[in-house]
Amino acid sequence: QPGGDNGTFIQEYPMLVTTQKKTAQLILKNGL
């Protein structure tokens, strides 16, 4: 039996979704 929204099996919920457009960079500038 469906338990989601409006008698469906889907339950909607808001969620912020982001994507990475380019490769992230992490540089330790003052390494040993």
PDB file of all heavy atoms in Angstrom:
ATOM      1  N   GLN A   1       0.843  -1.186   0.000  1.00  0.00           N
ATOM      2  CA  GLN A   1       0.000   0.000   0.000  1.00  0.00           C
ATOM      3  C   GLN A   1       0.885   1.245   0.000  1.00  0.00           C
ATOM      4  O   GLN A   1       1.831   1.327   0.778  1.00  0.00           O
ATOM      5  CB  GLN A   1      -0.914   0.016   1.232  1.00  0.00           C
ATOM      6  CG  GLN A   1      -1.900  -1.123   1.283  1.00  0.00           C
ATOM      7  CD  GLN A   1      -2.833  -1.133   0.096  1.00  0.00           C
ATOM      8  OE1 GLN A   1      -3.417  -0.120  -0.244  1.00  0.00           O
ATOM      9  NE2 GLN A   1      -2.964  -2.284  -0.554  1.00  0.00           N
ATOM     10  N   PRO A   2       0.575   2.233  -0.852  1.00  0.00           N
ATOM     11  CA  PRO A   2       1.403   3.446  -0.883  1.00  0.00           C
ATOM     12  C   PRO A   2       1.279   4.246   0.404  1.00  0.00           C
ATOM     13  O   PRO A   2       0.203   4.332   0.996  1.00  0.00           O
ATOM     14  CB  PRO A   2       0.856   4.221  -2.079  1.00  0.00           C
ATOM     15  CG  PRO A   2      -0.494   3.674  -2.342  1.00  0.00           C
ATOM     16  CD  PRO A   2      -0.508   2.271  -1.815  1.00  0.00           C
ATOM     17  N   GLY A   3       2.378   4.828   0.826  1.00  0.00           N
ATOM     18  CA  GLY A   3       2.387   5.654   2.032  1.00  0.00           C
ATOM     19  C   GLY A   3       2.946   7.036   1.758  1.00  0.00           C
ATOM     20  O   GLY A   3       3.234   7.790   2.674  1.00  0.00           O
ATOM     21  N   GLY A   4       3.097   7.382   0.476  1.00  0.00           N
ATOM     22  CA  GLY A   4       3.680   8.662   0.102  1.00  0.00           C
ATOM     23  C   GLY A   4       2.633   9.738  -0.091  1.00  0.00           C
ATOM     24  O   GLY A   4       1.469   9.596   0.314  1.00  0.00           O
ATOM     25  N   ASP A   5       3.044  10.797  -0.737  1.00  0.00           N
ATOM     26  CA  ASP A   5       2.168  11.941  -0.980  1.00  0.00           C
ATOM     27  C   ASP A   5       1.049  11.588  -1.963  1.00  0.00           C
ATOM     28  O   ASP A   5       1.277  10.891  -2.950  1.00  0.00           O
ATOM     29  CB  ASP A   5       2.982  13.113  -1.547  1.00  0.00           C
ATOM     30  CG  ASP A   5       4.059  13.597  -0.582  1.00  0.00           C
ATOM     31  OD1 ASP A   5       3.925  13.357   0.633  1.00  0.00           O
ATOM     32  OD2 ASP A   5       5.049  14.205  -1.044  1.00  0.00           O
ATOM     33  N   ASN A   6      -0.132  12.069  -1.686  1.00  0.00           N
ATOM     34  CA  ASN A   6      -1.298  11.932  -2.569  1.00  0.00           C
ATOM     35  C   ASN A   6      -1.546  10.499  -3.014  1.00  0.00           C
ATOM     36  O   ASN A   6      -1.864  10.243  -4.175  1.00  0.00           O
ATOM     37  CB  ASN A   6      -1.148  12.849  -3.789  1.00  0.00           C
ATOM     38  CG  ASN A   6      -0.988  14.300  -3.399  1.00  0.00           C
ATOM     39  OD1 ASN A   6      -1.712  14.805  -2.534  1.00  0.00           O
ATOM     40  ND2 ASN A   6      -0.030  14.973  -4.011  1.00  0.00           N
ATOM     41  N   GLY A   7      -1.362   9.543  -2.107  1.00  0.00           N
ATOM     42  CA  GLY A   7      -1.646   8.150  -2.420  1.00  0.00           C
ATOM     43  C   GLY A   7      -0.629   7.483  -3.333  1.00  0.00           C
ATOM     44  O   GLY A   7      -0.936   6.481  -3.965  1.00  0.00           O
ATOM     45  N   THR A   8       0.574   8.033  -3.413  1.00  0.00           N
ATOM     46  CA  THR A   8       1.625   7.447  -4.249  1.00  0.00           C
ATOM     47  C   THR A   8       2.693   6.812  -3.367  1.00  0.00           C
ATOM     48  O   THR A   8       2.617   6.864  -2.135  1.00  0.00           O
ATOM     49  CB  THR A   8       2.294   8.525  -5.127  1.00  0.00           C
ATOM     50  OG1 THR A   8       3.063   9.404  -4.291  1.00  0.00           O
ATOM     51  CG2 THR A   8       1.260   9.326  -5.914  1.00  0.00           C
ATOM     52  N   PHE A   9       3.705   6.267  -4.004  1.00  0.00           N
ATOM     53  CA  PHE A   9       4.844   5.711  -3.275  1.00  0.00           C
ATOM     54  C   PHE A   9       5.971   6.743  -3.149  1.00  0.00           C
ATOM     55  O   PHE A   9       7.041   6.425  -2.661  1.00  0.00           O
ATOM     56  CB  PHE A   9       5.376   4.459  -3.975  1.00  0.00           C
ATOM     57  CG  PHE A   9       4.457   3.272  -3.832  1.00  0.00           C
ATOM     58  CD1 PHE A   9       3.606   2.915  -4.855  1.00  0.00           C
ATOM     59  CD2 PHE A   9       4.462   2.517  -2.672  1.00  0.00           C
ATOM     60  CE1 PHE A   9       2.766   1.825  -4.728  1.00  0.00           C
ATOM     61  CE2 PHE A   9       3.628   1.428  -2.529  1.00  0.00           C
ATOM     62  CZ  PHE A   9       2.776   1.085  -3.561  1.00  0.00           C
ATOM     63  N   ILE A  10       5.735   7.957  -3.606  1.00  0.00           N
ATOM     64  CA  ILE A  10       6.748   9.017  -3.586  1.00  0.00           C
ATOM     65  C   ILE A  10       6.434   9.995  -2.459  1.00  0.00           C
ATOM     66  O   ILE A  10       5.301  10.437  -2.314  1.00  0.00           O
ATOM     67  CB  ILE A  10       6.780   9.800  -4.929  1.00  0.00           C
ATOM     68  CG1 ILE A  10       6.960   8.855  -6.120  1.00  0.00           C
ATOM     69  CG2 ILE A  10       7.830  10.899  -4.904  1.00  0.00           C
ATOM     70  CD1 ILE A  10       8.312   8.246  -6.262  1.00  0.00           C
ATOM     71  N   GLN A  11       7.464  10.335  -1.688  1.00  0.00           N
ATOM     72  CA  GLN A  11       7.320  11.367  -0.660  1.00  0.00           C
ATOM     73  C   GLN A  11       8.285  12.490  -1.010  1.00  0.00           C
ATOM     74  O   GLN A  11       9.500  12.306  -1.023  1.00  0.00           O
ATOM     75  CB  GLN A  11       7.641  10.819   0.723  1.00  0.00           C
ATOM     76  CG  GLN A  11       7.435  11.845   1.813  1.00  0.00           C
ATOM     77  CD  GLN A  11       7.683  11.269   3.201  1.00  0.00           C
ATOM     78  OE1 GLN A  11       8.126  10.139   3.354  1.00  0.00           O
ATOM     79  NE2 GLN A  11       7.398  12.056   4.207  1.00  0.00           N
ATOM     80  N   GLU A  12       7.734  13.645  -1.323  1.00  0.00           N
ATOM     81  CA  GLU A  12       8.547  14.807  -1.703  1.00  0.00           C
ATOM     82  C   GLU A  12       9.127  15.465  -0.451  1.00  0.00           C
ATOM     83  O   GLU A  12       8.491  15.496   0.595  1.00  0.00           O
ATOM     84  CB  GLU A  12       7.706  15.838  -2.451  1.00  0.00           C
ATOM     85  CG  GLU A  12       7.060  15.318  -3.719  1.00  0.00           C
ATOM     86  CD  GLU A  12       8.025  15.142  -4.871  1.00  0.00           C
ATOM     87  OE1 GLU A  12       9.167  15.657  -4.801  1.00  0.00           O
ATOM     88  OE2 GLU A  12       7.641  14.473  -5.846  1.00  0.00           O
ATOM     89  N   TYR A  13      10.334  15.981  -0.584  1.00  0.00           N
ATOM     90  CA  TYR A  13      10.933  16.786   0.481  1.00  0.00           C
ATOM     91  C   TYR A  13      11.946  17.731  -0.160  1.00  0.00           C
ATOM     92  O   TYR A  13      12.615  17.379  -1.133  1.00  0.00           O
ATOM     93  CB  TYR A  13      11.596  15.905   1.551  1.00  0.00           C
ATOM     94  CG  TYR A  13      12.695  15.003   1.026  1.00  0.00           C
ATOM     95  CD1 TYR A  13      14.016  15.407   1.043  1.00  0.00           C
ATOM     96  CD2 TYR A  13      12.395  13.750   0.516  1.00  0.00           C
ATOM     97  CE1 TYR A  13      15.016  14.581   0.556  1.00  0.00           C
ATOM     98  CE2 TYR A  13      13.381  12.927   0.039  1.00  0.00           C
ATOM     99  CZ  TYR A  13      14.691  13.346   0.060  1.00  0.00           C
ATOM    100  OH  TYR A  13      15.678  12.541  -0.431  1.00  0.00           O
ATOM    101  N   PRO A  14      12.024  18.949   0.336  1.00  0.00           N
ATOM    102  CA  PRO A  14      12.954  19.914  -0.260  1.00  0.00           C
ATOM    103  C   PRO A  14      14.398  19.568   0.109  1.00  0.00           C
ATOM    104  O   PRO A  14      14.686  19.164   1.235  1.00  0.00           O
ATOM    105  CB  PRO A  14      12.529  21.249   0.357  1.00  0.00           C
ATOM    106  CG  PRO A  14      11.875  20.870   1.644  1.00  0.00           C
ATOM    107  CD  PRO A  14      11.255  19.524   1.426  1.00  0.00           C
ATOM    108  N   MET A  15      15.287  19.714  -0.866  1.00  0.00           N
ATOM    109  CA  MET A  15      16.694  19.444  -0.615  1.00  0.00           C
ATOM    110  C   MET A  15      17.528  20.291  -1.561  1.00  0.00           C
ATOM    111  O   MET A  15      17.285  20.314  -2.770  1.00  0.00           O
ATOM    112  CB  MET A  15      17.005  17.967  -0.842  1.00  0.00           C
ATOM    113  CG  MET A  15      18.428  17.607  -0.551  1.00  0.00           C
ATOM    114  SD  MET A  15      18.615  15.822  -0.639  1.00  0.00           S
ATOM    115  CE  MET A  15      20.334  15.702  -0.241  1.00  0.00           C
ATOM    116  N   LEU A  16      18.503  20.973  -1.006  1.00  0.00           N
ATOM    117  CA  LEU A  16      19.411  21.771  -1.805  1.00  0.00           C
ATOM    118  C   LEU A  16      20.396  20.834  -2.501  1.00  0.00           C
ATOM    119  O   LEU A  16      21.026  20.003  -1.857  1.00  0.00           O
ATOM    120  CB  LEU A  16      20.171  22.760  -0.904  1.00  0.00           C
ATOM    121  CG  LEU A  16      21.174  23.667  -1.586  1.00  0.00           C
ATOM    122  CD1 LEU A  16      20.498  24.587  -2.583  1.00  0.00           C
ATOM    123  CD2 LEU A  16      21.923  24.486  -0.552  1.00  0.00           C
ATOM    124  N   VAL A  17      20.489  20.932  -3.817  1.00  0.00           N
ATOM    125  CA  VAL A  17      21.384  20.077  -4.586  1.00  0.00           C
ATOM    126  C   VAL A  17      22.348  20.956  -5.356  1.00  0.00           C
ATOM    127  O   VAL A  17      21.936  21.883  -6.052  1.00  0.00           O
ATOM    128  CB  VAL A  17      20.589  19.185  -5.575  1.00  0.00           C
ATOM    129  CG1 VAL A  17      21.525  18.349  -6.416  1.00  0.00           C
ATOM    130  CG2 VAL A  17      19.608  18.311  -4.824  1.00  0.00           C
ATOM    131  N   THR A  18      23.630  20.687  -5.204  1.00  0.00           N
ATOM    132  CA  THR A  18      24.644  21.440  -5.942  1.00  0.00           C
ATOM    133  C   THR A  18      25.530  20.462  -6.699  1.00  0.00           C
ATOM    134  O   THR A  18      25.586  19.283  -6.384  1.00  0.00           O
ATOM    135  CB  THR A  18      25.518  22.285  -4.988  1.00  0.00           C
ATOM    136  OG1 THR A  18      26.113  21.423  -4.022  1.00  0.00           O
ATOM    137  CG2 THR A  18      24.706  23.339  -4.275  1.00  0.00           C
ATOM    138  N   THR A  19      26.204  20.975  -7.706  1.00  0.00           N
ATOM    139  CA  THR A  19      27.120  20.144  -8.474  1.00  0.00           C
ATOM    140  C   THR A  19      28.473  20.843  -8.559  1.00  0.00           C
ATOM    141  O   THR A  19      28.566  22.071  -8.494  1.00  0.00           O
ATOM    142  CB  THR A  19      26.604  19.891  -9.905  1.00  0.00           C
ATOM    143  OG1 THR A  19      26.396  21.141 -10.559  1.00  0.00           O
ATOM    144  CG2 THR A  19      25.317  19.101  -9.889  1.00  0.00           C
ATOM    145  N   GLN A  20      29.501  20.052  -8.736  1.00  0.00           N
ATOM    146  CA  GLN A  20      30.851  20.579  -8.857  1.00  0.00           C
ATOM    147  C   GLN A  20      31.117  20.826 -10.331  1.00  0.00           C
ATOM    148  O   GLN A  20      31.065  19.910 -11.149  1.00  0.00           O
ATOM    149  CB  GLN A  20      31.857  19.566  -8.284  1.00  0.00           C
ATOM    150  CG  GLN A  20      33.255  20.062  -8.227  1.00  0.00           C
ATOM    151  CD  GLN A  20      34.174  19.062  -7.504  1.00  0.00           C
ATOM    152  OE1 GLN A  20      33.727  18.048  -7.000  1.00  0.00           O
ATOM    153  NE2 GLN A  20      35.437  19.382  -7.462  1.00  0.00           N
ATOM    154  N   LYS A  21      31.400  22.083 -10.709  1.00  0.00           N
ATOM    155  CA  LYS A  21      31.590  22.430 -12.115  1.00  0.00           C
ATOM    156  C   LYS A  21      32.998  22.129 -12.599  1.00  0.00           C
ATOM    157  O   LYS A  21      33.197  21.868 -13.769  1.00  0.00           O
ATOM    158  CB  LYS A  21      31.245  23.899 -12.336  1.00  0.00           C
ATOM    159  CG  LYS A  21      29.772  24.176 -12.133  1.00  0.00           C
ATOM    160  CD  LYS A  21      29.413  25.578 -12.473  1.00  0.00           C
ATOM    161  CE  LYS A  21      27.913  25.771 -12.260  1.00  0.00           C
ATOM    162  NZ  LYS A  21      27.471  27.088 -12.638  1.00  0.00           N
ATOM    163  N   LYS A  22      33.958  22.206 -11.716  1.00  0.00           N
ATOM    164  CA  LYS A  22      35.323  21.850 -12.104  1.00  0.00           C
ATOM    165  C   LYS A  22      36.014  21.240 -10.889  1.00  0.00           C
ATOM    166  O   LYS A  22      35.535  21.360  -9.760  1.00  0.00           O
ATOM    167  CB  LYS A  22      36.094  23.050 -12.645  1.00  0.00           C
ATOM    168  CG  LYS A  22      36.307  24.182 -11.658  1.00  0.00           C
ATOM    169  CD  LYS A  22      37.060  25.325 -12.309  1.00  0.00           C
ATOM    170  CE  LYS A  22      37.367  26.407 -11.284  1.00  0.00           C
ATOM    171  NZ  LYS A  22      38.157  27.471 -11.820  1.00  0.00           N
ATOM    172  N   THR A  23      37.126  20.588 -11.140  1.00  0.00           N
ATOM    173  CA  THR A  23      37.845  19.906 -10.078  1.00  0.00           C
ATOM    174  C   THR A  23      38.293  20.899  -9.010  1.00  0.00           C
ATOM    175  O   THR A  23      38.862  21.943  -9.326  1.00  0.00           O
ATOM    176  CB  THR A  23      39.078  19.178 -10.659  1.00  0.00           C
ATOM    177  OG1 THR A  23      38.629  18.279 -11.667  1.00  0.00           O
ATOM    178  CG2 THR A  23      39.819  18.407  -9.590  1.00  0.00           C
ATOM    179  N   ALA A  24      38.016  20.568  -7.772  1.00  0.00           N
ATOM    180  CA  ALA A  24      38.428  21.426  -6.666  1.00  0.00           C
ATOM    181  C   ALA A  24      39.943  21.342  -6.490  1.00  0.00           C
ATOM    182  O   ALA A  24      40.553  20.316  -6.787  1.00  0.00           O
ATOM    183  CB  ALA A  24      37.720  21.001  -5.384  1.00  0.00           C
ATOM    184  N   GLN A  25      40.510  22.406  -6.003  1.00  0.00           N
ATOM    185  CA  GLN A  25      41.942  22.442  -5.744  1.00  0.00           C
ATOM    186  C   GLN A  25      42.181  22.742  -4.272  1.00  0.00           C
ATOM    187  O   GLN A  25      41.541  23.610  -3.701  1.00  0.00           O
ATOM    188  CB  GLN A  25      42.628  23.523  -6.579  1.00  0.00           C
ATOM    189  CG  GLN A  25      42.612  23.253  -8.060  1.00  0.00           C
ATOM    190  CD  GLN A  25      43.354  24.336  -8.826  1.00  0.00           C
ATOM    191  OE1 GLN A  25      43.527  25.450  -8.353  1.00  0.00           O
ATOM    192  NE2 GLN A  25      43.789  23.989 -10.028  1.00  0.00           N
ATOM    193  N   LEU A  26      43.117  22.016  -3.700  1.00  0.00           N
ATOM    194  CA  LEU A  26      43.533  22.265  -2.329  1.00  0.00           C
ATOM    195  C   LEU A  26      45.053  22.225  -2.326  1.00  0.00           C
ATOM    196  O   LEU A  26      45.652  21.201  -2.659  1.00  0.00           O
ATOM    197  CB  LEU A  26      42.962  21.215  -1.375  1.00  0.00           C
ATOM    198  CG  LEU A  26      43.370  21.353   0.093  1.00  0.00           C
ATOM    199  CD1 LEU A  26      42.895  22.679   0.689  1.00  0.00           C
ATOM    200  CD2 LEU A  26      42.828  20.182   0.898  1.00  0.00           C
ATOM    201  N   ILE A  27      45.641  23.359  -2.013  1.00  0.00           N
ATOM    202  CA  ILE A  27      47.099  23.470  -2.020  1.00  0.00           C
ATOM    203  C   ILE A  27      47.560  24.012  -0.673  1.00  0.00           C
ATOM    204  O   ILE A  27      47.100  25.063  -0.231  1.00  0.00           O
ATOM    205  CB  ILE A  27      47.590  24.400  -3.149  1.00  0.00           C
ATOM    206  CG1 ILE A  27      47.139  23.850  -4.515  1.00  0.00           C
ATOM    207  CG2 ILE A  27      49.110  24.556  -3.102  1.00  0.00           C
ATOM    208  CD1 ILE A  27      47.377  24.797  -5.669  1.00  0.00           C
ATOM    209  N   LEU A  28      48.440  23.265  -0.036  1.00  0.00           N
ATOM    210  CA  LEU A  28      49.078  23.730   1.190  1.00  0.00           C
ATOM    211  C   LEU A  28      50.279  24.564   0.738  1.00  0.00           C
ATOM    212  O   LEU A  28      51.245  24.031   0.203  1.00  0.00           O
ATOM    213  CB  LEU A  28      49.517  22.535   2.038  1.00  0.00           C
ATOM    214  CG  LEU A  28      50.291  22.860   3.316  1.00  0.00           C
ATOM    215  CD1 LEU A  28      49.434  23.688   4.270  1.00  0.00           C
ATOM    216  CD2 LEU A  28      50.764  21.581   3.982  1.00  0.00           C
ATOM    217  N   LYS A  29      50.187  25.874   0.910  1.00  0.00           N
ATOM    218  CA  LYS A  29      51.203  26.778   0.357  1.00  0.00           C
ATOM    219  C   LYS A  29      52.524  26.738   1.110  1.00  0.00           C
ATOM    220  O   LYS A  29      53.571  26.962   0.523  1.00  0.00           O
ATOM    221  CB  LYS A  29      50.662  28.207   0.317  1.00  0.00           C
ATOM    222  CG  LYS A  29      49.548  28.380  -0.688  1.00  0.00           C
ATOM    223  CD  LYS A  29      49.098  29.817  -0.772  1.00  0.00           C
ATOM    224  CE  LYS A  29      48.020  29.976  -1.830  1.00  0.00           C
ATOM    225  NZ  LYS A  29      47.582  31.361  -1.933  1.00  0.00           N
ATOM    226  N   ASN A  30      52.476  26.493   2.391  1.00  0.00           N
ATOM    227  CA  ASN A  30      53.726  26.551   3.166  1.00  0.00           C
ATOM    228  C   ASN A  30      54.063  25.197   3.801  1.00  0.00           C
ATOM    229  O   ASN A  30      54.303  25.097   4.990  1.00  0.00           O
ATOM    230  CB  ASN A  30      53.657  27.654   4.223  1.00  0.00           C
ATOM    231  CG  ASN A  30      52.525  27.447   5.204  1.00  0.00           C
ATOM    232  OD1 ASN A  30      51.651  26.617   4.991  1.00  0.00           O
ATOM    233  ND2 ASN A  30      52.534  28.201   6.284  1.00  0.00           N
ATOM    234  N   GLY A  31      54.094  24.146   2.944  1.00  0.00           N
ATOM    235  CA  GLY A  31      54.487  22.822   3.428  1.00  0.00           C
ATOM    236  C   GLY A  31      55.965  22.815   3.784  1.00  0.00           C
ATOM    237  O   GLY A  31      56.722  23.732   3.448  1.00  0.00           O
ATOM    238  N   LEU A  32      56.410  21.791   4.436  1.00  0.00           N
ATOM    239  CA  LEU A  32      57.793  21.670   4.881  1.00  0.00           C
ATOM    240  C   LEU A  32      58.782  21.837   3.734  1.00  0.00           C
ATOM    241  O   LEU A  32      59.844  22.432   3.892  1.00  0.00           O
ATOM    242  CB  LEU A  32      57.983  20.308   5.568  1.00  0.00           C
ATOM    243  CG  LEU A  32      59.318  20.068   6.258  1.00  0.00           C
ATOM    244  CD1 LEU A  32      59.590  21.121   7.340  1.00  0.00           C
ATOM    245  CD2 LEU A  32      59.339  18.668   6.884  1.00  0.00           C
TER     246      LEU A  32
END
